[in-house]
Amino acid sequence: MTDTLPRRSLLKAMPGLALAGAATPAMAAPSDALATPPLTLAMRLRVLIGAPQELGTVDGVRKRIIPITGGSVDGPRLTGKILPGGADWQSIRPDGTADILARYSIEASDGTILSIVNPGYRHGPAPVLARIAAGDAVDPALYYFRTTPRFEVASDGPHAWLGRTVFLCTAARYRDHVRLDIFAVG
């Protein structure tokens, strides 16, 4: 008989416990979740490329260099041209993933020279990658190609904002060029 009393008390308290667990978000503890940053298109690049220079397999990874021969920069935040002389150093893993490290220069429309270092990854289904390698036009939605460009610029110049902004890029590979849509992360 003595243990029925605590059970009855617990049963009487259950509706109150249930209501406490169903607190509205306004009554809940403050969340520590941070806002998702917005992406804003900063520029579009059309990077002209030359024929790949194959280095062969180094430490189990296929290495190659893709010369950058020129191109254009258009966008709401930056316009100009890609200067020849840069390159994209690629390491192609056995699963077909390309580790990309591109480095090249941009001449802004005001004459300022900017340096860009652009690491990233490209991967997808083997048949899609084979079509890209053959120079076919392939829908960019069929493969993953993302980079995180960083700009090296004078800290006191008109383009200093490039050196203190994080960027995210979505890209597409074509026979003679790479298209890059570069977004500023807000």
N, C-alpha and C. Protein backbone atom coordinates (compact mmCIF):
# COMPACT_ATOMS: atom_id res chain seq x y z
N MET A 1 0.79 -1.19 0.00
CA MET A 1 0.00 0.00 0.00
C MET A 1 0.84 1.27 0.00
N THR A 2 2.04 1.17 0.59
CA THR A 2 2.87 2.37 0.68
C THR A 2 3.39 2.80 -0.68
N ASP A 3 3.58 1.88 -1.63
CA ASP A 3 4.12 2.31 -2.91
C ASP A 3 3.04 2.81 -3.85
N THR A 4 1.75 2.66 -3.56
CA THR A 4 0.70 3.20 -4.41
C THR A 4 0.59 4.72 -4.30
N LEU A 5 0.95 5.24 -3.17
CA LEU A 5 0.88 6.69 -2.99
C LEU A 5 1.84 7.42 -3.91
N PRO A 6 3.12 7.03 -4.02
CA PRO A 6 4.00 7.73 -4.96
C PRO A 6 3.55 7.58 -6.41
N ARG A 7 3.00 6.42 -6.80
CA ARG A 7 2.52 6.25 -8.17
C ARG A 7 1.35 7.17 -8.45
N ARG A 8 0.44 7.32 -7.46
CA ARG A 8 -0.70 8.22 -7.66
C ARG A 8 -0.21 9.66 -7.79
N SER A 9 0.78 10.03 -7.01
CA SER A 9 1.32 11.39 -7.09
C SER A 9 1.97 11.62 -8.45
N LEU A 10 2.67 10.62 -8.93
CA LEU A 10 3.32 10.71 -10.23
C LEU A 10 2.29 10.82 -11.34
N LEU A 11 1.23 10.02 -11.27
CA LEU A 11 0.18 10.08 -12.29
C LEU A 11 -0.50 11.45 -12.29
N LYS A 12 -0.70 12.04 -11.11
CA LYS A 12 -1.31 13.37 -11.04
C LYS A 12 -0.37 14.43 -11.62
N ALA A 13 0.93 14.22 -11.49
CA ALA A 13 1.91 15.20 -11.98
C ALA A 13 2.15 15.08 -13.47
N MET A 14 1.83 13.94 -14.10
CA MET A 14 2.14 13.69 -15.52
C MET A 14 1.61 14.77 -16.46
N PRO A 15 0.36 15.23 -16.33
CA PRO A 15 -0.07 16.28 -17.27
C PRO A 15 0.80 17.53 -17.21
N GLY A 16 1.23 17.90 -16.03
CA GLY A 16 2.10 19.07 -15.90
C GLY A 16 3.47 18.83 -16.52
N LEU A 17 4.00 17.61 -16.36
CA LEU A 17 5.29 17.27 -16.98
C LEU A 17 5.18 17.28 -18.49
N ALA A 18 4.08 16.78 -19.02
CA ALA A 18 3.88 16.75 -20.47
C ALA A 18 3.82 18.16 -21.03
N LEU A 19 3.13 19.05 -20.33
CA LEU A 19 3.05 20.44 -20.79
C LEU A 19 4.40 21.12 -20.73
N ALA A 20 5.19 20.81 -19.72
CA ALA A 20 6.51 21.42 -19.60
C ALA A 20 7.41 21.01 -20.76
N GLY A 21 7.26 19.78 -21.24
CA GLY A 21 8.07 19.31 -22.36
C GLY A 21 7.63 19.89 -23.69
N ALA A 22 6.43 20.42 -23.76
CA ALA A 22 5.91 20.96 -25.01
C ALA A 22 5.96 22.48 -25.02
N ALA A 23 6.98 23.04 -24.42
CA ALA A 23 7.10 24.50 -24.35
C ALA A 23 7.22 25.08 -25.75
N THR A 24 6.68 26.23 -25.96
CA THR A 24 6.77 26.89 -27.26
C THR A 24 8.19 27.39 -27.47
N PRO A 25 8.60 27.59 -28.73
CA PRO A 25 9.96 28.09 -28.98
C PRO A 25 10.27 29.39 -28.24
N ALA A 26 9.28 30.23 -28.04
CA ALA A 26 9.52 31.49 -27.34
C ALA A 26 9.87 31.24 -25.89
N MET A 27 9.36 30.15 -25.33
CA MET A 27 9.63 29.84 -23.94
C MET A 27 10.85 28.95 -23.79
N ALA A 28 11.34 28.39 -24.88
CA ALA A 28 12.49 27.49 -24.84
C ALA A 28 13.77 28.27 -24.56
N ALA A 29 14.80 27.53 -24.20
CA ALA A 29 16.10 28.16 -23.95
C ALA A 29 16.61 28.79 -25.24
N PRO A 30 17.35 29.90 -25.15
CA PRO A 30 17.87 30.55 -26.36
C PRO A 30 18.77 29.60 -27.15
N SER A 31 18.65 29.67 -28.45
CA SER A 31 19.44 28.81 -29.33
C SER A 31 20.81 29.45 -29.57
N ASP A 32 21.82 28.61 -29.71
CA ASP A 32 23.14 29.14 -30.03
C ASP A 32 23.47 28.96 -31.51
N ALA A 33 22.45 28.62 -32.32
CA ALA A 33 22.66 28.45 -33.75
C ALA A 33 22.98 29.80 -34.40
N LEU A 34 23.96 29.78 -35.29
CA LEU A 34 24.35 30.99 -36.01
C LEU A 34 23.61 31.05 -37.35
N ALA A 35 23.45 32.23 -37.85
CA ALA A 35 22.76 32.42 -39.12
C ALA A 35 23.58 31.83 -40.28
N THR A 36 22.90 31.28 -41.25
CA THR A 36 23.55 30.80 -42.46
C THR A 36 23.97 32.02 -43.28
N PRO A 37 25.24 32.10 -43.67
CA PRO A 37 25.68 33.30 -44.40
C PRO A 37 25.13 33.32 -45.82
N PRO A 38 24.78 34.50 -46.31
CA PRO A 38 24.30 34.61 -47.69
C PRO A 38 25.47 34.57 -48.67
N LEU A 39 25.18 34.19 -49.90
CA LEU A 39 26.15 34.23 -51.00
C LEU A 39 25.71 35.29 -51.98
N THR A 40 26.67 36.13 -52.41
CA THR A 40 26.39 37.19 -53.38
C THR A 40 27.37 37.05 -54.53
N LEU A 41 26.84 36.99 -55.76
CA LEU A 41 27.72 36.88 -56.92
C LEU A 41 28.66 38.09 -56.97
N ALA A 42 29.96 37.82 -56.99
CA ALA A 42 30.95 38.89 -57.06
C ALA A 42 31.48 39.05 -58.48
N MET A 43 31.68 37.91 -59.17
CA MET A 43 32.24 37.96 -60.52
C MET A 43 32.09 36.62 -61.22
N ARG A 44 32.20 36.66 -62.54
CA ARG A 44 32.23 35.45 -63.37
C ARG A 44 33.53 35.47 -64.15
N LEU A 45 34.23 34.35 -64.10
CA LEU A 45 35.49 34.23 -64.84
C LEU A 45 35.34 33.23 -65.97
N ARG A 46 35.94 33.55 -67.08
CA ARG A 46 36.09 32.61 -68.20
C ARG A 46 37.60 32.46 -68.36
N VAL A 47 38.13 31.35 -67.86
CA VAL A 47 39.57 31.11 -67.83
C VAL A 47 39.95 30.23 -69.01
N LEU A 48 40.71 30.80 -69.95
CA LEU A 48 41.16 30.03 -71.12
C LEU A 48 42.30 29.12 -70.70
N ILE A 49 42.29 27.89 -71.23
CA ILE A 49 43.29 26.90 -70.83
C ILE A 49 43.94 26.27 -72.06
N GLY A 50 45.18 25.82 -71.86
CA GLY A 50 45.92 25.11 -72.90
C GLY A 50 45.83 23.61 -72.67
N ALA A 51 46.55 22.88 -73.50
CA ALA A 51 46.57 21.42 -73.39
C ALA A 51 47.25 21.00 -72.10
N PRO A 52 46.71 19.97 -71.44
CA PRO A 52 47.33 19.48 -70.20
C PRO A 52 48.76 18.98 -70.44
N GLN A 53 49.60 19.26 -69.48
CA GLN A 53 50.97 18.73 -69.49
C GLN A 53 51.01 17.60 -68.47
N GLU A 54 51.09 16.37 -68.95
CA GLU A 54 51.03 15.19 -68.09
C GLU A 54 52.40 14.93 -67.46
N LEU A 55 52.43 14.81 -66.16
CA LEU A 55 53.67 14.51 -65.45
C LEU A 55 53.81 13.03 -65.13
N GLY A 56 52.72 12.28 -65.25
CA GLY A 56 52.73 10.86 -64.92
C GLY A 56 52.27 10.64 -63.49
N THR A 57 52.50 9.42 -63.00
CA THR A 57 52.08 9.05 -61.66
C THR A 57 53.20 9.33 -60.67
N VAL A 58 52.86 10.09 -59.65
CA VAL A 58 53.80 10.44 -58.59
C VAL A 58 53.16 10.00 -57.27
N ASP A 59 53.84 9.11 -56.56
CA ASP A 59 53.32 8.60 -55.29
C ASP A 59 51.89 8.07 -55.42
N GLY A 60 51.61 7.38 -56.51
CA GLY A 60 50.30 6.76 -56.72
C GLY A 60 49.22 7.69 -57.20
N VAL A 61 49.56 8.94 -57.51
CA VAL A 61 48.58 9.92 -57.95
C VAL A 61 49.01 10.50 -59.29
N ARG A 62 48.07 10.57 -60.24
CA ARG A 62 48.36 11.16 -61.55
C ARG A 62 48.48 12.68 -61.41
N LYS A 63 49.59 13.23 -61.91
CA LYS A 63 49.84 14.67 -61.79
C LYS A 63 49.83 15.29 -63.19
N ARG A 64 49.26 16.48 -63.27
CA ARG A 64 49.29 17.22 -64.53
C ARG A 64 49.17 18.71 -64.26
N ILE A 65 49.62 19.48 -65.24
CA ILE A 65 49.56 20.94 -65.17
C ILE A 65 48.75 21.43 -66.36
N ILE A 66 47.77 22.29 -66.09
CA ILE A 66 46.94 22.88 -67.15
C ILE A 66 47.34 24.35 -67.26
N PRO A 67 47.98 24.75 -68.37
CA PRO A 67 48.36 26.17 -68.51
C PRO A 67 47.13 27.08 -68.62
N ILE A 68 47.21 28.24 -68.01
CA ILE A 68 46.17 29.27 -68.12
C ILE A 68 46.70 30.31 -69.09
N THR A 69 45.94 30.53 -70.18
CA THR A 69 46.44 31.36 -71.28
C THR A 69 45.76 32.72 -71.39
N GLY A 70 44.75 32.99 -70.58
CA GLY A 70 44.05 34.27 -70.65
C GLY A 70 42.63 34.11 -70.16
N GLY A 71 41.79 35.08 -70.51
CA GLY A 71 40.39 35.00 -70.14
C GLY A 71 39.81 36.34 -69.74
N SER A 72 38.62 36.28 -69.19
CA SER A 72 37.91 37.51 -68.84
C SER A 72 37.28 37.40 -67.45
N VAL A 73 37.06 38.58 -66.86
CA VAL A 73 36.40 38.70 -65.55
C VAL A 73 35.26 39.70 -65.72
N ASP A 74 34.05 39.27 -65.43
CA ASP A 74 32.88 40.13 -65.53
C ASP A 74 32.05 39.96 -64.28
N GLY A 75 31.52 41.05 -63.78
CA GLY A 75 30.65 40.91 -62.62
C GLY A 75 30.33 42.22 -61.95
N PRO A 76 29.45 42.12 -61.00
CA PRO A 76 29.04 43.33 -60.30
C PRO A 76 30.12 43.92 -59.40
N ARG A 77 31.10 43.11 -58.95
CA ARG A 77 32.11 43.63 -58.02
C ARG A 77 33.49 43.77 -58.65
N LEU A 78 33.75 43.06 -59.77
CA LEU A 78 35.07 43.12 -60.39
C LEU A 78 34.96 42.81 -61.87
N THR A 79 35.68 43.60 -62.69
CA THR A 79 35.81 43.31 -64.11
C THR A 79 37.28 43.42 -64.48
N GLY A 80 37.66 42.74 -65.55
CA GLY A 80 39.04 42.78 -65.99
C GLY A 80 39.35 41.61 -66.89
N LYS A 81 40.64 41.24 -66.90
CA LYS A 81 41.05 40.12 -67.75
C LYS A 81 42.01 39.21 -67.00
N ILE A 82 41.98 37.94 -67.38
CA ILE A 82 42.92 36.96 -66.84
C ILE A 82 44.21 37.09 -67.64
N LEU A 83 45.32 37.20 -66.95
CA LEU A 83 46.61 37.31 -67.64
C LEU A 83 47.18 35.92 -67.94
N PRO A 84 47.83 35.76 -69.07
CA PRO A 84 48.45 34.47 -69.36
C PRO A 84 49.63 34.23 -68.41
N GLY A 85 49.94 32.96 -68.21
CA GLY A 85 51.11 32.64 -67.39
C GLY A 85 50.79 31.85 -66.14
N GLY A 86 49.54 31.76 -65.76
CA GLY A 86 49.18 30.96 -64.59
C GLY A 86 49.00 29.51 -64.98
N ALA A 87 48.63 28.70 -64.01
CA ALA A 87 48.40 27.28 -64.28
C ALA A 87 47.54 26.68 -63.18
N ASP A 88 47.01 25.52 -63.52
CA ASP A 88 46.22 24.71 -62.60
C ASP A 88 46.99 23.41 -62.41
N TRP A 89 47.51 23.20 -61.18
CA TRP A 89 48.24 21.97 -60.87
C TRP A 89 47.22 20.99 -60.32
N GLN A 90 47.08 19.85 -60.99
CA GLN A 90 46.07 18.88 -60.60
C GLN A 90 46.70 17.57 -60.16
N SER A 91 46.09 16.98 -59.15
CA SER A 91 46.42 15.63 -58.71
C SER A 91 45.14 14.82 -58.87
N ILE A 92 45.18 13.82 -59.75
CA ILE A 92 43.99 13.00 -60.02
C ILE A 92 44.10 11.71 -59.20
N ARG A 93 43.21 11.54 -58.25
CA ARG A 93 43.21 10.37 -57.39
C ARG A 93 42.73 9.13 -58.17
N PRO A 94 43.01 7.94 -57.66
CA PRO A 94 42.53 6.73 -58.34
C PRO A 94 41.01 6.68 -58.53
N ASP A 95 40.23 7.33 -57.65
CA ASP A 95 38.77 7.34 -57.81
C ASP A 95 38.29 8.40 -58.81
N GLY A 96 39.22 9.14 -59.43
CA GLY A 96 38.87 10.14 -60.42
C GLY A 96 38.73 11.55 -59.86
N THR A 97 38.78 11.73 -58.55
CA THR A 97 38.68 13.06 -57.96
C THR A 97 39.92 13.88 -58.32
N ALA A 98 39.69 15.07 -58.82
CA ALA A 98 40.78 15.99 -59.14
C ALA A 98 40.96 16.97 -57.98
N ASP A 99 42.13 16.92 -57.34
CA ASP A 99 42.52 17.95 -56.36
C ASP A 99 43.13 19.07 -57.19
N ILE A 100 42.52 20.24 -57.12
CA ILE A 100 42.90 21.35 -57.99
C ILE A 100 43.60 22.43 -57.18
N LEU A 101 44.66 22.97 -57.74
CA LEU A 101 45.31 24.14 -57.16
C LEU A 101 45.72 25.06 -58.31
N ALA A 102 44.85 26.02 -58.59
CA ALA A 102 45.10 26.97 -59.67
C ALA A 102 45.68 28.25 -59.09
N ARG A 103 46.62 28.82 -59.82
CA ARG A 103 47.21 30.10 -59.41
C ARG A 103 47.42 30.93 -60.67
N TYR A 104 46.87 32.15 -60.65
CA TYR A 104 46.98 33.02 -61.82
C TYR A 104 46.75 34.46 -61.42
N SER A 105 46.86 35.36 -62.39
CA SER A 105 46.73 36.79 -62.13
C SER A 105 45.58 37.38 -62.93
N ILE A 106 45.01 38.42 -62.36
CA ILE A 106 43.94 39.18 -63.00
C ILE A 106 44.41 40.62 -63.11
N GLU A 107 44.16 41.23 -64.25
CA GLU A 107 44.34 42.67 -64.38
C GLU A 107 42.95 43.29 -64.34
N ALA A 108 42.65 43.99 -63.24
CA ALA A 108 41.34 44.64 -63.09
C ALA A 108 41.20 45.73 -64.15
N SER A 109 39.98 46.13 -64.42
CA SER A 109 39.74 47.14 -65.47
C SER A 109 40.40 48.47 -65.14
N ASP A 110 40.77 48.72 -63.88
CA ASP A 110 41.47 49.96 -63.53
C ASP A 110 42.99 49.80 -63.62
N GLY A 111 43.46 48.62 -64.08
CA GLY A 111 44.90 48.39 -64.24
C GLY A 111 45.57 47.70 -63.06
N THR A 112 44.87 47.53 -61.96
CA THR A 112 45.44 46.87 -60.78
C THR A 112 45.66 45.39 -61.06
N ILE A 113 46.82 44.89 -60.68
CA ILE A 113 47.12 43.46 -60.83
C ILE A 113 46.75 42.75 -59.52
N LEU A 114 45.99 41.67 -59.64
CA LEU A 114 45.54 40.88 -58.50
C LEU A 114 46.01 39.45 -58.70
N SER A 115 46.35 38.79 -57.62
CA SER A 115 46.74 37.38 -57.67
C SER A 115 45.62 36.54 -57.06
N ILE A 116 45.36 35.40 -57.65
CA ILE A 116 44.34 34.50 -57.12
C ILE A 116 44.93 33.11 -56.95
N VAL A 117 44.66 32.52 -55.80
CA VAL A 117 45.02 31.13 -55.51
C VAL A 117 43.69 30.42 -55.31
N ASN A 118 43.45 29.37 -56.09
CA ASN A 118 42.12 28.79 -56.14
C ASN A 118 42.16 27.27 -56.00
N PRO A 119 42.12 26.75 -54.76
CA PRO A 119 42.08 25.29 -54.56
C PRO A 119 40.65 24.77 -54.60
N GLY A 120 40.50 23.50 -54.97
CA GLY A 120 39.17 22.91 -54.97
C GLY A 120 39.18 21.46 -55.40
N TYR A 121 37.98 20.97 -55.70
CA TYR A 121 37.80 19.58 -56.10
C TYR A 121 36.84 19.48 -57.28
N ARG A 122 37.11 18.49 -58.13
CA ARG A 122 36.17 18.12 -59.19
C ARG A 122 36.05 16.60 -59.16
N HIS A 123 34.82 16.11 -59.11
CA HIS A 123 34.61 14.66 -59.17
C HIS A 123 33.20 14.38 -59.68
N GLY A 124 32.99 13.16 -60.07
CA GLY A 124 31.69 12.75 -60.57
C GLY A 124 31.74 11.31 -61.05
N PRO A 125 30.66 10.83 -61.64
CA PRO A 125 30.64 9.48 -62.18
C PRO A 125 31.69 9.32 -63.29
N ALA A 126 32.32 8.16 -63.34
CA ALA A 126 33.40 7.91 -64.31
C ALA A 126 32.98 8.22 -65.75
N PRO A 127 31.79 7.85 -66.21
CA PRO A 127 31.42 8.18 -67.60
C PRO A 127 31.34 9.69 -67.85
N VAL A 128 30.90 10.44 -66.85
CA VAL A 128 30.81 11.91 -66.99
C VAL A 128 32.21 12.50 -67.06
N LEU A 129 33.11 12.06 -66.18
CA LEU A 129 34.49 12.55 -66.20
C LEU A 129 35.18 12.21 -67.51
N ALA A 130 34.88 11.04 -68.06
CA ALA A 130 35.46 10.65 -69.36
C ALA A 130 34.98 11.58 -70.47
N ARG A 131 33.73 11.97 -70.43
CA ARG A 131 33.20 12.90 -71.44
C ARG A 131 33.87 14.27 -71.31
N ILE A 132 34.09 14.73 -70.08
CA ILE A 132 34.78 16.02 -69.86
C ILE A 132 36.19 15.92 -70.42
N ALA A 133 36.90 14.83 -70.11
CA ALA A 133 38.28 14.64 -70.59
C ALA A 133 38.34 14.59 -72.11
N ALA A 134 37.27 14.09 -72.75
CA ALA A 134 37.22 14.02 -74.21
C ALA A 134 36.89 15.37 -74.84
N GLY A 135 36.57 16.36 -74.01
CA GLY A 135 36.25 17.69 -74.52
C GLY A 135 34.79 17.88 -74.84
N ASP A 136 33.93 16.94 -74.45
CA ASP A 136 32.50 17.08 -74.70
C ASP A 136 31.91 18.16 -73.78
N ALA A 137 30.85 18.80 -74.26
CA ALA A 137 30.11 19.74 -73.41
C ALA A 137 29.24 18.90 -72.48
N VAL A 138 29.46 19.04 -71.17
CA VAL A 138 28.75 18.25 -70.17
C VAL A 138 28.01 19.19 -69.23
N ASP A 139 26.76 18.87 -68.95
CA ASP A 139 25.97 19.66 -68.02
C ASP A 139 26.68 19.70 -66.66
N PRO A 140 27.02 20.89 -66.14
CA PRO A 140 27.72 20.99 -64.86
C PRO A 140 26.96 20.38 -63.68
N ALA A 141 25.65 20.18 -63.82
CA ALA A 141 24.87 19.56 -62.74
C ALA A 141 25.19 18.07 -62.60
N LEU A 142 25.90 17.50 -63.57
CA LEU A 142 26.21 16.06 -63.53
C LEU A 142 27.48 15.74 -62.76
N TYR A 143 28.23 16.76 -62.35
CA TYR A 143 29.46 16.52 -61.59
C TYR A 143 29.65 17.65 -60.58
N TYR A 144 30.53 17.39 -59.63
CA TYR A 144 30.82 18.35 -58.56
C TYR A 144 32.12 19.07 -58.91
N PHE A 145 32.08 20.41 -58.92
CA PHE A 145 33.27 21.20 -59.19
C PHE A 145 33.14 22.49 -58.37
N ARG A 146 33.84 22.52 -57.23
CA ARG A 146 33.78 23.67 -56.33
C ARG A 146 35.19 24.07 -55.92
N THR A 147 35.39 25.36 -55.72
CA THR A 147 36.68 25.87 -55.28
C THR A 147 36.46 26.96 -54.22
N THR A 148 37.56 27.31 -53.56
CA THR A 148 37.52 28.37 -52.54
C THR A 148 38.63 29.38 -52.84
N PRO A 149 38.38 30.29 -53.78
CA PRO A 149 39.43 31.23 -54.19
C PRO A 149 39.82 32.21 -53.09
N ARG A 150 41.11 32.54 -53.09
CA ARG A 150 41.66 33.57 -52.20
C ARG A 150 42.43 34.56 -53.06
N PHE A 151 42.26 35.82 -52.76
CA PHE A 151 42.91 36.87 -53.53
C PHE A 151 44.05 37.47 -52.73
N GLU A 152 45.15 37.75 -53.42
CA GLU A 152 46.28 38.46 -52.84
C GLU A 152 46.28 39.84 -53.48
N VAL A 153 46.01 40.85 -52.65
CA VAL A 153 45.86 42.22 -53.14
C VAL A 153 46.51 43.18 -52.15
N ALA A 154 46.81 44.37 -52.63
CA ALA A 154 47.34 45.42 -51.74
C ALA A 154 46.27 45.79 -50.72
N SER A 155 46.67 45.87 -49.47
CA SER A 155 45.70 46.13 -48.40
C SER A 155 45.19 47.57 -48.40
N ASP A 156 45.86 48.45 -49.14
CA ASP A 156 45.42 49.84 -49.17
C ASP A 156 44.88 50.26 -50.54
N GLY A 157 44.69 49.30 -51.43
CA GLY A 157 44.23 49.61 -52.79
C GLY A 157 42.72 49.53 -52.93
N PRO A 158 42.24 49.83 -54.14
CA PRO A 158 40.79 49.85 -54.39
C PRO A 158 40.14 48.47 -54.31
N HIS A 159 40.95 47.42 -54.35
CA HIS A 159 40.39 46.07 -54.32
C HIS A 159 40.74 45.33 -53.03
N ALA A 160 41.03 46.08 -51.98
CA ALA A 160 41.41 45.49 -50.69
C ALA A 160 40.34 44.55 -50.15
N TRP A 161 39.09 44.82 -50.47
CA TRP A 161 37.99 43.97 -50.00
C TRP A 161 38.18 42.51 -50.40
N LEU A 162 38.85 42.27 -51.53
CA LEU A 162 39.08 40.90 -52.00
C LEU A 162 39.96 40.11 -51.03
N GLY A 163 40.86 40.81 -50.36
CA GLY A 163 41.79 40.17 -49.45
C GLY A 163 41.24 39.95 -48.05
N ARG A 164 40.02 40.36 -47.82
CA ARG A 164 39.41 40.15 -46.49
C ARG A 164 37.99 39.60 -46.60
N THR A 165 37.72 38.94 -47.71
CA THR A 165 36.41 38.32 -47.94
C THR A 165 36.61 36.85 -48.26
N VAL A 166 35.74 36.01 -47.74
CA VAL A 166 35.75 34.59 -48.07
C VAL A 166 34.89 34.39 -49.32
N PHE A 167 35.38 33.57 -50.24
CA PHE A 167 34.68 33.31 -51.50
C PHE A 167 34.43 31.82 -51.67
N LEU A 168 33.36 31.53 -52.36
CA LEU A 168 33.01 30.16 -52.74
C LEU A 168 32.69 30.18 -54.22
N CYS A 169 33.16 29.18 -54.92
CA CYS A 169 33.03 29.17 -56.38
C CYS A 169 32.38 27.88 -56.85
N THR A 170 31.50 28.01 -57.79
CA THR A 170 30.98 26.87 -58.53
C THR A 170 31.56 26.97 -59.93
N ALA A 171 31.94 25.82 -60.50
CA ALA A 171 32.69 25.87 -61.75
C ALA A 171 32.21 24.82 -62.74
N ALA A 172 32.62 25.01 -63.98
CA ALA A 172 32.31 24.06 -65.06
C ALA A 172 33.51 24.00 -65.99
N ARG A 173 33.83 22.80 -66.47
CA ARG A 173 34.98 22.57 -67.35
C ARG A 173 34.49 22.36 -68.77
N TYR A 174 35.08 23.10 -69.70
CA TYR A 174 34.77 22.97 -71.13
C TYR A 174 36.06 22.65 -71.87
N ARG A 175 35.96 22.41 -73.17
CA ARG A 175 37.12 21.99 -73.96
C ARG A 175 38.29 22.97 -73.83
N ASP A 176 38.04 24.28 -73.98
CA ASP A 176 39.13 25.26 -74.02
C ASP A 176 39.10 26.28 -72.89
N HIS A 177 38.16 26.12 -71.95
CA HIS A 177 38.08 27.07 -70.85
C HIS A 177 37.36 26.46 -69.65
N VAL A 178 37.51 27.17 -68.54
CA VAL A 178 36.79 26.84 -67.32
C VAL A 178 35.96 28.06 -66.95
N ARG A 179 34.71 27.84 -66.62
CA ARG A 179 33.84 28.94 -66.18
C ARG A 179 33.74 28.87 -64.67
N LEU A 180 33.92 30.02 -64.03
CA LEU A 180 33.88 30.11 -62.58
C LEU A 180 32.89 31.21 -62.17
N ASP A 181 31.91 30.87 -61.38
CA ASP A 181 31.03 31.85 -60.77
C ASP A 181 31.50 31.98 -59.32
N ILE A 182 32.02 33.14 -58.96
CA ILE A 182 32.61 33.35 -57.65
C ILE A 182 31.67 34.19 -56.80
N PHE A 183 31.32 33.64 -55.63
CA PHE A 183 30.38 34.27 -54.71
C PHE A 183 31.10 34.72 -53.45
N ALA A 184 30.79 35.94 -53.00
CA ALA A 184 31.26 36.42 -51.71
C ALA A 184 30.35 35.84 -50.63
N VAL A 185 30.97 35.33 -49.57
CA VAL A 185 30.22 34.79 -48.45
C VAL A 185 29.98 35.92 -47.47
N GLY A 186 28.71 36.24 -47.20
CA GLY A 186 28.35 37.36 -46.34
C GLY A 186 28.49 37.05 -44.88
